[in-house]
PDB file of N, CA and C in Angstrom:
ATOM      1  N   MET A   1     131.746 -24.874-137.215  1.00  0.00           N
ATOM      2  CA  MET A   1     131.605 -23.621-136.482  1.00  0.00           C
ATOM      3  C   MET A   1     130.599 -22.884-136.870  1.00  0.00           C
ATOM      4  N   ALA A   2     130.339 -21.609-135.827  1.00  0.00           N
ATOM      5  CA  ALA A   2     129.294 -20.864-135.210  1.00  0.00           C
ATOM      6  C   ALA A   2     130.200 -19.570-136.499  1.00  0.00           C
ATOM      7  N   ALA A   3     129.479 -18.594-136.666  1.00  0.00           N
ATOM      8  CA  ALA A   3     129.767 -17.219-137.231  1.00  0.00           C
ATOM      9  C   ALA A   3     130.876 -16.693-135.702  1.00  0.00           C
ATOM     10  N   SER A   4     131.134 -16.157-136.240  1.00  0.00           N
ATOM     11  CA  SER A   4     132.372 -15.252-135.507  1.00  0.00           C
ATOM     12  C   SER A   4     131.758 -14.569-134.174  1.00  0.00           C
ATOM     13  N   ASP A   5     132.333 -14.631-133.358  1.00  0.00           N
ATOM     14  CA  ASP A   5     131.384 -13.615-132.039  1.00  0.00           C
ATOM     15  C   ASP A   5     132.138 -12.373-131.905  1.00  0.00           C
ATOM     16  N   PRO A   6     131.995 -11.478-131.896  1.00  0.00           N
ATOM     17  CA  PRO A   6     132.830 -10.086-131.654  1.00  0.00           C
ATOM     18  C   PRO A   6     132.565  -9.558-130.327  1.00  0.00           C
ATOM     19  N   ARG A   7     132.263  -9.920-129.698  1.00  0.00           N
ATOM     20  CA  ARG A   7     131.822  -9.835-128.269  1.00  0.00           C
ATOM     21  C   ARG A   7     133.146 -10.159-127.714  1.00  0.00           C
ATOM     22  N   LEU A   8     133.225  -9.639-126.667  1.00  0.00           N
ATOM     23  CA  LEU A   8     135.065  -9.101-125.546  1.00  0.00           C
ATOM     24  C   LEU A   8     133.785 -10.384-123.790  1.00  0.00           C
ATOM     25  N   TRP A   9     134.977 -11.029-123.567  1.00  0.00           N
ATOM     26  CA  TRP A   9     134.595 -12.224-122.209  1.00  0.00           C
ATOM     27  C   TRP A   9     136.045 -11.652-121.971  1.00  0.00           C
ATOM     28  N   LEU A  10     135.340 -11.752-120.687  1.00  0.00           N
ATOM     29  CA  LEU A  10     136.223 -12.512-119.752  1.00  0.00           C
ATOM     30  C   LEU A  10     135.583 -13.773-118.856  1.00  0.00           C
ATOM     31  N   VAL A  11     137.458 -13.982-118.600  1.00  0.00           N
ATOM     32  CA  VAL A  11     136.754 -15.560-118.269  1.00  0.00           C
ATOM     33  C   VAL A  11     138.377 -15.198-116.962  1.00  0.00           C
ATOM     34  N   GLU A  12     137.442 -16.170-115.860  1.00  0.00           N
ATOM     35  CA  GLU A  12     138.998 -16.616-114.766  1.00  0.00           C
ATOM     36  C   GLU A  12     138.477 -18.033-114.460  1.00  0.00           C
ATOM     37  N   VAL A  13     139.195 -18.916-114.132  1.00  0.00           N
ATOM     38  CA  VAL A  13     139.095 -20.288-114.172  1.00  0.00           C
ATOM     39  C   VAL A  13     140.538 -20.609-111.988  1.00  0.00           C
ATOM     40  N   GLY A  14     139.345 -19.550-111.512  1.00  0.00           N
ATOM     41  CA  GLY A  14     140.046 -20.867-110.051  1.00  0.00           C
ATOM     42  C   GLY A  14     140.460 -22.035-109.986  1.00  0.00           C
ATOM     43  N   HIS A  15     140.146 -22.257-108.453  1.00  0.00           N
ATOM     44  CA  HIS A  15     140.557 -23.331-108.547  1.00  0.00           C
ATOM     45  C   HIS A  15     139.875 -24.727-108.089  1.00  0.00           C
ATOM     46  N   THR A  16     138.217 -23.523-108.255  1.00  0.00           N
ATOM     47  CA  THR A  16     137.083 -24.438-107.633  1.00  0.00           C
ATOM     48  C   THR A  16     136.245 -24.554-109.191  1.00  0.00           C
ATOM     49  N   ARG A  17     136.394 -23.367-110.066  1.00  0.00           N
ATOM     50  CA  ARG A  17     135.593 -23.617-110.809  1.00  0.00           C
ATOM     51  C   ARG A  17     135.753 -22.228-112.113  1.00  0.00           C
ATOM     52  N   LEU A  18     135.551 -21.827-113.233  1.00  0.00           N
ATOM     53  CA  LEU A  18     135.737 -21.505-114.426  1.00  0.00           C
ATOM     54  C   LEU A  18     134.364 -20.392-114.273  1.00  0.00           C
ATOM     55  N   LYS A  19     134.538 -18.939-113.847  1.00  0.00           N
ATOM     56  CA  LYS A  19     133.485 -18.425-114.307  1.00  0.00           C
ATOM     57  C   LYS A  19     134.045 -17.747-116.161  1.00  0.00           C
ATOM     58  N   ARG A  20     132.857 -17.570-116.559  1.00  0.00           N
ATOM     59  CA  ARG A  20     132.710 -16.759-117.540  1.00  0.00           C
ATOM     60  C   ARG A  20     132.370 -14.997-117.969  1.00  0.00           C
ATOM     61  N   ALA A  21     132.650 -13.919-118.316  1.00  0.00           N
ATOM     62  CA  ALA A  21     131.312 -13.200-117.917  1.00  0.00           C
ATOM     63  C   ALA A  21     131.726 -12.121-119.530  1.00  0.00           C
ATOM     64  N   GLN A  22     130.980 -11.364-120.211  1.00  0.00           N
ATOM     65  CA  GLN A  22     130.432 -10.792-121.504  1.00  0.00           C
ATOM     66  C   GLN A  22     130.611  -9.543-120.750  1.00  0.00           C
ATOM     67  N   LEU A  23     131.531  -8.320-121.808  1.00  0.00           N
ATOM     68  CA  LEU A  23     131.653  -7.521-121.421  1.00  0.00           C
ATOM     69  C   LEU A  23     130.525  -6.141-122.451  1.00  0.00           C
ATOM     70  N   ALA A  24     130.126  -5.568-121.722  1.00  0.00           N
ATOM     71  CA  ALA A  24     129.029  -4.691-122.579  1.00  0.00           C
ATOM     72  C   ALA A  24     130.188  -3.859-123.083  1.00  0.00           C
ATOM     73  N   ALA A  25     129.543  -3.043-123.849  1.00  0.00           N
ATOM     74  CA  ALA A  25     130.224  -1.870-124.863  1.00  0.00           C
ATOM     75  C   ALA A  25     130.842  -0.927-123.727  1.00  0.00           C
ATOM     76  N   ASP A  26     129.200  -0.831-122.968  1.00  0.00           N
ATOM     77  CA  ASP A  26     129.301   1.028-121.911  1.00  0.00           C
ATOM     78  C   ASP A  26     130.250  -0.008-120.518  1.00  0.00           C
ATOM     79  N   GLY A  27     131.542  -1.200-120.350  1.00  0.00           N
ATOM     80  CA  GLY A  27     132.236  -1.444-119.536  1.00  0.00           C
ATOM     81  C   GLY A  27     131.267  -1.977-118.723  1.00  0.00           C
ATOM     82  N   THR A  28     130.398  -2.165-118.532  1.00  0.00           N
ATOM     83  CA  THR A  28     129.884  -2.897-117.259  1.00  0.00           C
ATOM     84  C   THR A  28     129.495  -4.865-118.040  1.00  0.00           C
ATOM     85  N   LEU A  29     129.651  -5.436-117.036  1.00  0.00           N
ATOM     86  CA  LEU A  29     129.580  -7.109-117.427  1.00  0.00           C
ATOM     87  C   LEU A  29     127.926  -7.437-117.875  1.00  0.00           C
ATOM     88  N   ALA A  30     128.086  -7.591-118.875  1.00  0.00           N
ATOM     89  CA  ALA A  30     126.090  -7.949-118.979  1.00  0.00           C
ATOM     90  C   ALA A  30     126.162  -9.446-119.131  1.00  0.00           C
ATOM     91  N   MET A  31     127.006  -9.534-118.636  1.00  0.00           N
ATOM     92  CA  MET A  31     125.934 -12.086-117.691  1.00  0.00           C
ATOM     93  C   MET A  31     126.762 -12.201-117.232  1.00  0.00           C
ATOM     94  N   ALA A  32     126.929 -13.116-116.565  1.00  0.00           N
ATOM     95  CA  ALA A  32     128.177 -14.055-115.980  1.00  0.00           C
ATOM     96  C   ALA A  32     127.991 -15.266-115.654  1.00  0.00           C
ATOM     97  N   VAL A  33     128.471 -16.415-115.879  1.00  0.00           N
ATOM     98  CA  VAL A  33     127.799 -17.650-115.709  1.00  0.00           C
ATOM     99  C   VAL A  33     129.199 -18.356-114.683  1.00  0.00           C
ATOM    100  N   ALA A  34     129.515 -19.517-113.907  1.00  0.00           N
ATOM    101  CA  ALA A  34     129.804 -20.384-113.321  1.00  0.00           C
ATOM    102  C   ALA A  34     129.525 -21.757-113.999  1.00  0.00           C
ATOM    103  N   GLU A  35     131.075 -22.426-115.395  1.00  0.00           N
ATOM    104  CA  GLU A  35     130.325 -23.514-114.824  1.00  0.00           C
ATOM    105  C   GLU A  35     131.890 -23.933-114.979  1.00  0.00           C
ATOM    106  N   SER A  36     132.074 -25.470-115.404  1.00  0.00           N
ATOM    107  CA  SER A  36     132.594 -26.459-116.088  1.00  0.00           C
ATOM    108  C   SER A  36     133.611 -26.515-116.667  1.00  0.00           C
ATOM    109  N   LEU A  37     135.028 -27.194-116.638  1.00  0.00           N
ATOM    110  CA  LEU A  37     135.367 -27.137-118.061  1.00  0.00           C
ATOM    111  C   LEU A  37     135.067 -27.760-119.842  1.00  0.00           C
ATOM    112  N   PRO A  38     134.157 -28.814-119.582  1.00  0.00           N
ATOM    113  CA  PRO A  38     133.482 -29.068-120.305  1.00  0.00           C
ATOM    114  C   PRO A  38     132.101 -28.723-121.077  1.00  0.00           C
ATOM    115  N   ALA A  39     131.426 -27.834-120.228  1.00  0.00           N
ATOM    116  CA  ALA A  39     130.236 -26.584-120.058  1.00  0.00           C
ATOM    117  C   ALA A  39     131.283 -25.961-121.010  1.00  0.00           C
ATOM    118  N   PHE A  40     132.266 -25.194-120.306  1.00  0.00           N
ATOM    119  CA  PHE A  40     132.655 -23.867-121.547  1.00  0.00           C
ATOM    120  C   PHE A  40     133.598 -24.795-122.966  1.00  0.00           C
ATOM    121  N   ASP A  41     133.887 -25.596-122.913  1.00  0.00           N
ATOM    122  CA  ASP A  41     134.519 -26.098-124.235  1.00  0.00           C
ATOM    123  C   ASP A  41     133.349 -26.214-125.505  1.00  0.00           C
ATOM    124  N   GLY A  42     131.772 -26.028-125.150  1.00  0.00           N
ATOM    125  CA  GLY A  42     130.395 -26.271-125.262  1.00  0.00           C
ATOM    126  C   GLY A  42     130.788 -24.889-125.782  1.00  0.00           C
ATOM    127  N   TRP A  43     130.316 -23.407-124.404  1.00  0.00           N
ATOM    128  CA  TRP A  43     130.286 -22.257-125.600  1.00  0.00           C
ATOM    129  C   TRP A  43     131.986 -22.066-126.032  1.00  0.00           C
ATOM    130  N   ALA A  44     133.151 -22.588-125.952  1.00  0.00           N
ATOM    131  CA  ALA A  44     133.920 -21.781-126.275  1.00  0.00           C
ATOM    132  C   ALA A  44     133.411 -22.620-128.289  1.00  0.00           C
ATOM    133  N   GLU A  45     132.793 -23.915-128.746  1.00  0.00           N
ATOM    134  CA  GLU A  45     131.952 -23.783-130.160  1.00  0.00           C
ATOM    135  C   GLU A  45     131.781 -22.868-130.386  1.00  0.00           C
ATOM    136  N   ALA A  46     130.754 -22.368-130.265  1.00  0.00           N
ATOM    137  CA  ALA A  46     130.048 -21.969-130.091  1.00  0.00           C
ATOM    138  C   ALA A  46     130.099 -20.233-130.882  1.00  0.00           C
ATOM    139  N   HIS A  47     131.165 -20.353-129.920  1.00  0.00           N
ATOM    140  CA  HIS A  47     131.669 -18.191-130.206  1.00  0.00           C
ATOM    141  C   HIS A  47     132.996 -18.865-130.831  1.00  0.00           C
ATOM    142  N   ALA A  48     133.591 -19.164-131.606  1.00  0.00           N
ATOM    143  CA  ALA A  48     134.652 -18.819-132.284  1.00  0.00           C
ATOM    144  C   ALA A  48     134.764 -18.212-132.586  1.00  0.00           C
ATOM    145  N   GLY A  49     135.532 -16.929-132.636  1.00  0.00           N
ATOM    146  CA  GLY A  49     136.414 -16.576-132.854  1.00  0.00           C
ATOM    147  C   GLY A  49     135.488 -15.193-132.036  1.00  0.00           C
ATOM    148  N   ALA A  50     135.737 -15.516-131.077  1.00  0.00           N
ATOM    149  CA  ALA A  50     135.575 -13.803-129.461  1.00  0.00           C
ATOM    150  C   ALA A  50     136.647 -14.041-129.175  1.00  0.00           C
ATOM    151  N   ARG A  51     137.223 -12.810-128.441  1.00  0.00           N
ATOM    152  CA  ARG A  51     138.021 -12.389-128.001  1.00  0.00           C
ATOM    153  C   ARG A  51     137.799 -12.806-126.165  1.00  0.00           C
ATOM    154  N   VAL A  52     138.398 -13.489-125.662  1.00  0.00           N
ATOM    155  CA  VAL A  52     138.846 -13.374-125.034  1.00  0.00           C
ATOM    156  C   VAL A  52     140.430 -12.726-123.798  1.00  0.00           C
ATOM    157  N   ILE A  53     139.351 -12.392-122.771  1.00  0.00           N
ATOM    158  CA  ILE A  53     140.673 -11.749-121.655  1.00  0.00           C
ATOM    159  C   ILE A  53     140.842 -13.229-120.783  1.00  0.00           C
ATOM    160  N   LEU A  54     141.598 -13.298-120.414  1.00  0.00           N
ATOM    161  CA  LEU A  54     141.531 -14.667-119.296  1.00  0.00           C
ATOM    162  C   LEU A  54     142.889 -14.298-118.025  1.00  0.00           C
ATOM    163  N   THR A  55     142.273 -14.706-116.732  1.00  0.00           N
ATOM    164  CA  THR A  55     142.895 -15.386-115.920  1.00  0.00           C
ATOM    165  C   THR A  55     143.314 -16.684-115.209  1.00  0.00           C
ATOM    166  N   ASP A  56     143.662 -16.727-115.430  1.00  0.00           N
ATOM    167  CA  ASP A  56     143.807 -18.171-114.297  1.00  0.00           C
ATOM    168  C   ASP A  56     145.121 -18.685-113.329  1.00  0.00           C
ATOM    169  N   VAL A  57     144.692 -18.629-111.721  1.00  0.00           N
ATOM    170  CA  VAL A  57     145.080 -18.741-110.959  1.00  0.00           C
ATOM    171  C   VAL A  57     146.097 -20.370-111.082  1.00  0.00           C
ATOM    172  N   ARG A  58     145.707 -21.594-111.310  1.00  0.00           N
ATOM    173  CA  ARG A  58     145.853 -22.180-110.072  1.00  0.00           C
ATOM    174  C   ARG A  58     147.551 -22.330-112.582  1.00  0.00           C
ATOM    175  N   ASP A  59     148.089 -23.604-111.255  1.00  0.00           N
ATOM    176  CA  ASP A  59     149.356 -22.996-112.416  1.00  0.00           C
ATOM    177  C   ASP A  59     149.624 -23.499-114.004  1.00  0.00           C
ATOM    178  N   GLU A  60     150.882 -23.593-114.170  1.00  0.00           N
ATOM    179  CA  GLU A  60     150.762 -23.228-116.186  1.00  0.00           C
ATOM    180  C   GLU A  60     150.511 -24.754-116.336  1.00  0.00           C
ATOM    181  N   ALA A  61     151.165 -26.033-115.803  1.00  0.00           N
ATOM    182  CA  ALA A  61     150.162 -27.069-116.143  1.00  0.00           C
ATOM    183  C   ALA A  61     148.771 -27.632-115.983  1.00  0.00           C
ATOM    184  N   SER A  62     148.266 -26.603-115.483  1.00  0.00           N
ATOM    185  CA  SER A  62     146.351 -27.305-114.668  1.00  0.00           C
ATOM    186  C   SER A  62     145.978 -26.753-116.380  1.00  0.00           C
ATOM    187  N   SER A  63     147.166 -25.412-117.049  1.00  0.00           N
ATOM    188  CA  SER A  63     145.858 -24.081-117.714  1.00  0.00           C
ATOM    189  C   SER A  63     145.896 -24.791-119.099  1.00  0.00           C
ATOM    190  N   ARG A  64     146.794 -25.924-119.158  1.00  0.00           N
ATOM    191  CA  ARG A  64     147.010 -26.521-120.637  1.00  0.00           C
ATOM    192  C   ARG A  64     145.721 -27.087-121.273  1.00  0.00           C
ATOM    193  N   GLU A  65     145.277 -26.876-120.385  1.00  0.00           N
ATOM    194  CA  GLU A  65     143.015 -28.131-121.427  1.00  0.00           C
ATOM    195  C   GLU A  65     142.703 -27.101-121.356  1.00  0.00           C
ATOM    196  N   LEU A  66     142.693 -25.701-120.577  1.00  0.00           N
ATOM    197  CA  LEU A  66     141.911 -24.715-121.031  1.00  0.00           C
ATOM    198  C   LEU A  66     142.151 -23.831-122.563  1.00  0.00           C
ATOM    199  N   VAL A  67     143.756 -23.792-122.179  1.00  0.00           N
ATOM    200  CA  VAL A  67     144.475 -23.217-123.602  1.00  0.00           C
ATOM    201  C   VAL A  67     143.956 -23.523-124.763  1.00  0.00           C
ATOM    202  N   SER A  68     143.883 -25.628-124.388  1.00  0.00           N
ATOM    203  CA  SER A  68     143.842 -26.605-125.613  1.00  0.00           C
ATOM    204  C   SER A  68     142.628 -25.543-126.033  1.00  0.00           C
ATOM    205  N   ILE A  69     141.903 -25.703-125.120  1.00  0.00           N
ATOM    206  CA  ILE A  69     140.286 -25.363-126.019  1.00  0.00           C
ATOM    207  C   ILE A  69     140.367 -24.235-126.277  1.00  0.00           C
ATOM    208  N   LEU A  70     140.707 -23.101-126.028  1.00  0.00           N
ATOM    209  CA  LEU A  70     140.676 -21.946-126.749  1.00  0.00           C
ATOM    210  C   LEU A  70     141.164 -21.920-128.464  1.00  0.00           C
ATOM    211  N   GLN A  71     142.416 -23.188-128.251  1.00  0.00           N
ATOM    212  CA  GLN A  71     142.858 -22.460-129.396  1.00  0.00           C
ATOM    213  C   GLN A  71     142.390 -23.649-130.228  1.00  0.00           C
ATOM    214  N   ARG A  72     141.724 -24.559-130.153  1.00  0.00           N
ATOM    215  CA  ARG A  72     141.304 -25.696-131.385  1.00  0.00           C
ATOM    216  C   ARG A  72     139.344 -24.212-131.567  1.00  0.00           C
ATOM    217  N   ARG A  73     138.813 -24.348-130.541  1.00  0.00           N
ATOM    218  CA  ARG A  73     137.823 -23.599-130.683  1.00  0.00           C
ATOM    219  C   ARG A  73     138.056 -22.503-131.952  1.00  0.00           C
ATOM    220  N   GLY A  74     139.213 -21.805-132.099  1.00  0.00           N
ATOM    221  CA  GLY A  74     139.589 -20.711-132.866  1.00  0.00           C
ATOM    222  C   GLY A  74     138.852 -19.633-131.525  1.00  0.00           C
ATOM    223  N   VAL A  75     138.525 -19.990-130.449  1.00  0.00           N
ATOM    224  CA  VAL A  75     138.548 -18.788-129.675  1.00  0.00           C
ATOM    225  C   VAL A  75     140.426 -17.426-129.245  1.00  0.00           C
ATOM    226  N   ARG A  76     140.164 -16.550-129.777  1.00  0.00           N
ATOM    227  CA  ARG A  76     141.399 -15.290-129.518  1.00  0.00           C
ATOM    228  C   ARG A  76     141.095 -14.773-128.357  1.00  0.00           C
ATOM    229  N   TRP A  77     142.707 -15.378-127.576  1.00  0.00           N
ATOM    230  CA  TRP A  77     142.621 -15.166-125.771  1.00  0.00           C
ATOM    231  C   TRP A  77     144.162 -13.879-125.800  1.00  0.00           C
ATOM    232  N   THR A  78     143.759 -13.613-124.841  1.00  0.00           N
ATOM    233  CA  THR A  78     145.031 -12.903-123.682  1.00  0.00           C
ATOM    234  C   THR A  78     144.729 -13.022-122.537  1.00  0.00           C
ATOM    235  N   ARG A  79     145.927 -14.112-122.086  1.00  0.00           N
ATOM    236  CA  ARG A  79     146.432 -13.939-120.696  1.00  0.00           C
ATOM    237  C   ARG A  79     146.994 -12.218-120.192  1.00  0.00           C
ATOM    238  N   VAL A  80     146.140 -12.398-118.502  1.00  0.00           N
ATOM    239  CA  VAL A  80     146.530 -11.527-117.826  1.00  0.00           C
ATOM    240  C   VAL A  80     147.243 -11.980-116.304  1.00  0.00           C
ATOM    241  N   ALA A  81     148.091 -12.185-116.186  1.00  0.00           N
ATOM    242  CA  ALA A  81     148.710 -12.818-115.034  1.00  0.00           C
ATOM    243  C   ALA A  81     148.934 -11.958-113.639  1.00  0.00           C
ATOM    244  N   LEU A  82     149.356 -11.899-113.178  1.00  0.00           N
ATOM    245  CA  LEU A  82     149.733 -11.331-111.740  1.00  0.00           C
ATOM    246  C   LEU A  82     151.194 -10.007-111.897  1.00  0.00           C
ATOM    247  N   GLY A  83     150.975  -9.064-112.056  1.00  0.00           N
ATOM    248  CA  GLY A  83     151.747  -7.659-112.587  1.00  0.00           C
ATOM    249  C   GLY A  83     152.355  -7.858-113.941  1.00  0.00           C
ATOM    250  N   ASP A  84     151.039  -8.121-115.142  1.00  0.00           N
ATOM    251  CA  ASP A  84     151.016  -8.664-115.990  1.00  0.00           C
ATOM    252  C   ASP A  84     150.793  -7.454-116.845  1.00  0.00           C
ATOM    253  N   VAL A  85     149.438  -5.696-116.442  1.00  0.00           N
ATOM    254  CA  VAL A  85     149.762  -4.546-117.058  1.00  0.00           C
ATOM    255  C   VAL A  85     150.018  -3.379-116.020  1.00  0.00           C
ATOM    256  N   ASP A  86     150.195  -2.575-117.147  1.00  0.00           N
ATOM    257  CA  ASP A  86     149.878  -1.425-115.324  1.00  0.00           C
ATOM    258  C   ASP A  86     149.050  -1.216-114.485  1.00  0.00           C
ATOM    259  N   LEU A  87     148.759  -1.726-113.838  1.00  0.00           N
ATOM    260  CA  LEU A  87     147.825  -1.457-113.428  1.00  0.00           C
ATOM    261  C   LEU A  87     147.542   0.541-111.861  1.00  0.00           C
ATOM    262  N   PRO A  88     146.535   0.420-111.221  1.00  0.00           N
ATOM    263  CA  PRO A  88     147.329   1.914-109.979  1.00  0.00           C
ATOM    264  C   PRO A  88     147.303   1.255-108.786  1.00  0.00           C
ATOM    265  N   VAL A  89     146.972   0.660-108.879  1.00  0.00           N
ATOM    266  CA  VAL A  89     147.296  -0.692-107.012  1.00  0.00           C
ATOM    267  C   VAL A  89     148.041  -1.772-107.577  1.00  0.00           C
ATOM    268  N   ALA A  90     149.821  -1.774-107.714  1.00  0.00           N
ATOM    269  CA  ALA A  90     150.172  -2.904-107.456  1.00  0.00           C
ATOM    270  C   ALA A  90     150.451  -3.885-106.959  1.00  0.00           C
ATOM    271  N   PRO A  91     150.754  -5.137-107.096  1.00  0.00           N
ATOM    272  CA  PRO A  91     150.077  -5.958-106.557  1.00  0.00           C
ATOM    273  C   PRO A  91     151.235  -6.162-104.982  1.00  0.00           C
ATOM    274  N   ALA A  92     150.924  -6.742-104.024  1.00  0.00           N
ATOM    275  CA  ALA A  92     151.361  -6.240-102.849  1.00  0.00           C
ATOM    276  C   ALA A  92     152.144  -7.384-101.983  1.00  0.00           C
ATOM    277  N   TYR A  93     152.399  -8.866-103.005  1.00  0.00           N
ATOM    278  CA  TYR A  93     153.114 -10.468-102.961  1.00  0.00           C
ATOM    279  C   TYR A  93     152.954 -10.682-103.808  1.00  0.00           C
ATOM    280  N   GLY A  94     154.123 -11.855-104.300  1.00  0.00           N
ATOM    281  CA  GLY A  94     153.853 -12.643-105.498  1.00  0.00           C
ATOM    282  C   GLY A  94     152.731 -13.916-105.161  1.00  0.00           C
ATOM    283  N   SER A  95     152.898 -14.107-104.126  1.00  0.00           N
ATOM    284  CA  SER A  95     151.523 -15.251-104.363  1.00  0.00           C
ATOM    285  C   SER A  95     149.649 -14.558-103.896  1.00  0.00           C
ATOM    286  N   LEU A  96     149.922 -13.435-104.345  1.00  0.00           N
ATOM    287  CA  LEU A  96     148.280 -12.531-104.606  1.00  0.00           C
ATOM    288  C   LEU A  96     148.141 -13.154-105.544  1.00  0.00           C
ATOM    289  N   GLY A  97     147.046 -13.774-105.995  1.00  0.00           N
ATOM    290  CA  GLY A  97     145.818 -13.908-106.933  1.00  0.00           C
ATOM    291  C   GLY A  97     145.605 -12.921-107.211  1.00  0.00           C
ATOM    292  N   THR A  98     145.895 -13.258-108.878  1.00  0.00           N
ATOM    293  CA  THR A  98     145.821 -12.219-109.887  1.00  0.00           C
ATOM    294  C   THR A  98     144.047 -12.205-109.597  1.00  0.00           C
ATOM    295  N   ASP A  99     143.224 -12.748-109.428  1.00  0.00           N
ATOM    296  CA  ASP A  99     141.340 -12.477-109.964  1.00  0.00           C
ATOM    297  C   ASP A  99     141.732 -11.369-108.744  1.00  0.00           C
ATOM    298  N   ARG A 100     142.287 -12.234-107.448  1.00  0.00           N
ATOM    299  CA  ARG A 100     142.390 -10.894-105.984  1.00  0.00           C
ATOM    300  C   ARG A 100     142.620  -9.575-106.591  1.00  0.00           C
ATOM    301  N   TRP A 101     143.543  -9.415-107.399  1.00  0.00           N
ATOM    302  CA  TRP A 101     144.656  -7.868-107.346  1.00  0.00           C
ATOM    303  C   TRP A 101     143.736  -7.511-109.197  1.00  0.00           C
ATOM    304  N   LEU A 102     142.989  -8.089-110.318  1.00  0.00           N
ATOM    305  CA  LEU A 102     142.647  -7.353-110.110  1.00  0.00           C
ATOM    306  C   LEU A 102     140.745  -6.727-110.056  1.00  0.00           C
ATOM    307  N   ALA A 103     140.315  -7.558-108.726  1.00  0.00           N
ATOM    308  CA  ALA A 103     139.419  -6.748-108.253  1.00  0.00           C
ATOM    309  C   ALA A 103     139.309  -4.889-106.904  1.00  0.00           C
ATOM    310  N   VAL A 104     141.021  -5.764-106.744  1.00  0.00           N
ATOM    311  CA  VAL A 104     141.591  -4.780-106.075  1.00  0.00           C
ATOM    312  C   VAL A 104     141.225  -3.982-106.246  1.00  0.00           C
ATOM    313  N   ASN A 105     141.543  -3.301-108.613  1.00  0.00           N
ATOM    314  CA  ASN A 105     141.818  -2.057-109.016  1.00  0.00           C
ATOM    315  C   ASN A 105     140.345  -1.948-109.387  1.00  0.00           C
ATOM    316  N   ALA A 106     139.728  -2.980-109.588  1.00  0.00           N
ATOM    317  CA  ALA A 106     138.037  -2.712-110.665  1.00  0.00           C
ATOM    318  C   ALA A 106     137.759  -1.450-109.174  1.00  0.00           C
ATOM    319  N   ALA A 107     137.801  -2.065-108.136  1.00  0.00           N
ATOM    320  CA  ALA A 107     136.501  -1.726-106.926  1.00  0.00           C
ATOM    321  C   ALA A 107     137.931  -0.484-106.917  1.00  0.00           C
ATOM    322  N   TRP A 108     139.354   0.439-106.846  1.00  0.00           N
ATOM    323  CA  TRP A 108     140.039   1.653-106.826  1.00  0.00           C
ATOM    324  C   TRP A 108     140.079   2.556-107.622  1.00  0.00           C
ATOM    325  N   GLN A 109     139.711   1.582-109.322  1.00  0.00           N
ATOM    326  CA  GLN A 109     138.797   2.855-110.474  1.00  0.00           C
ATOM    327  C   GLN A 109     137.572   2.993-109.995  1.00  0.00           C
ATOM    328  N   MET A 110     136.792   2.510-109.604  1.00  0.00           N
ATOM    329  CA  MET A 110     135.303   2.988-108.834  1.00  0.00           C
ATOM    330  C   MET A 110     135.291   3.716-108.033  1.00  0.00           C
ATOM    331  N   HIS A 111     135.981   3.405-106.995  1.00  0.00           N
ATOM    332  CA  HIS A 111     136.086   4.812-105.919  1.00  0.00           C
ATOM    333  C   HIS A 111     137.502   5.798-105.921  1.00  0.00           C
ATOM    334  N   GLU A 112     138.335   5.572-106.001  1.00  0.00           N
ATOM    335  CA  GLU A 112     139.836   6.077-106.525  1.00  0.00           C
ATOM    336  C   GLU A 112     140.009   6.685-104.662  1.00  0.00           C
ATOM    337  N   ARG A 113     139.737   5.678-103.537  1.00  0.00           N
ATOM    338  CA  ARG A 113     139.898   5.800-102.318  1.00  0.00           C
ATOM    339  C   ARG A 113     140.504   5.143-101.372  1.00  0.00           C
ATOM    340  N   ALA A 114     140.060   5.354 -99.952  1.00  0.00           N
ATOM    341  CA  ALA A 114     141.063   4.272 -99.280  1.00  0.00           C
ATOM    342  C   ALA A 114     140.056   3.423 -99.180  1.00  0.00           C
ATOM    343  N   LEU A 115     139.505   1.704 -99.196  1.00  0.00           N
ATOM    344  CA  LEU A 115     139.435   1.128 -99.412  1.00  0.00           C
ATOM    345  C   LEU A 115     139.305  -0.047 -98.963  1.00  0.00           C
ATOM    346  N   VAL A 116     138.723  -0.968 -98.453  1.00  0.00           N
ATOM    347  CA  VAL A 116     138.693  -2.477 -98.405  1.00  0.00           C
ATOM    348  C   VAL A 116     137.763  -3.746 -99.091  1.00  0.00           C
ATOM    349  N   VAL A 117     138.757  -4.852-100.015  1.00  0.00           N
ATOM    350  CA  VAL A 117     138.003  -5.369-101.060  1.00  0.00           C
ATOM    351  C   VAL A 117     137.948  -6.450 -99.674  1.00  0.00           C
ATOM    352  N   VAL A 118     136.582  -7.076-100.102  1.00  0.00           N
ATOM    353  CA  VAL A 118     136.371  -9.053 -99.404  1.00  0.00           C
ATOM    354  C   VAL A 118     135.853  -9.884-100.355  1.00  0.00           C
ATOM    355  N   ASP A 119     137.021 -10.590-100.197  1.00  0.00           N
ATOM    356  CA  ASP A 119     137.349 -12.010-101.371  1.00  0.00           C
ATOM    357  C   ASP A 119     137.138 -13.235-100.475  1.00  0.00           C
ATOM    358  N   ILE A 120     135.925 -13.557-100.485  1.00  0.00           N
ATOM    359  CA  ILE A 120     135.445 -14.439 -99.672  1.00  0.00           C
ATOM    360  C   ILE A 120     134.959 -15.540-101.015  1.00  0.00           C
TER     361      ILE A 120
END
């Protein structure tokens, strides 16, 4: 196993791909990558001890493989689901994806005025 990775990573699992990004000390994204689950397993092995904030729009059963990878590789993780944390913009409806809810909150925190967020 590699040495402990002290950095914070953001991991978002959508219906079609997994994305991860390193969060820099100033709060910006230092780098971002879209990858497959097997490639993520290799990344997790190399980053044992890393801290991950995870959002997964798939159902709980589909998430088990990803959680298994994180646990097996020694990656510390916290899952954020829709409405789990107190953010300025509340989820408008229960089927809103966590990824979209977090994107709306990020946009609001950057601009703090009426805006439109387009997620394609």
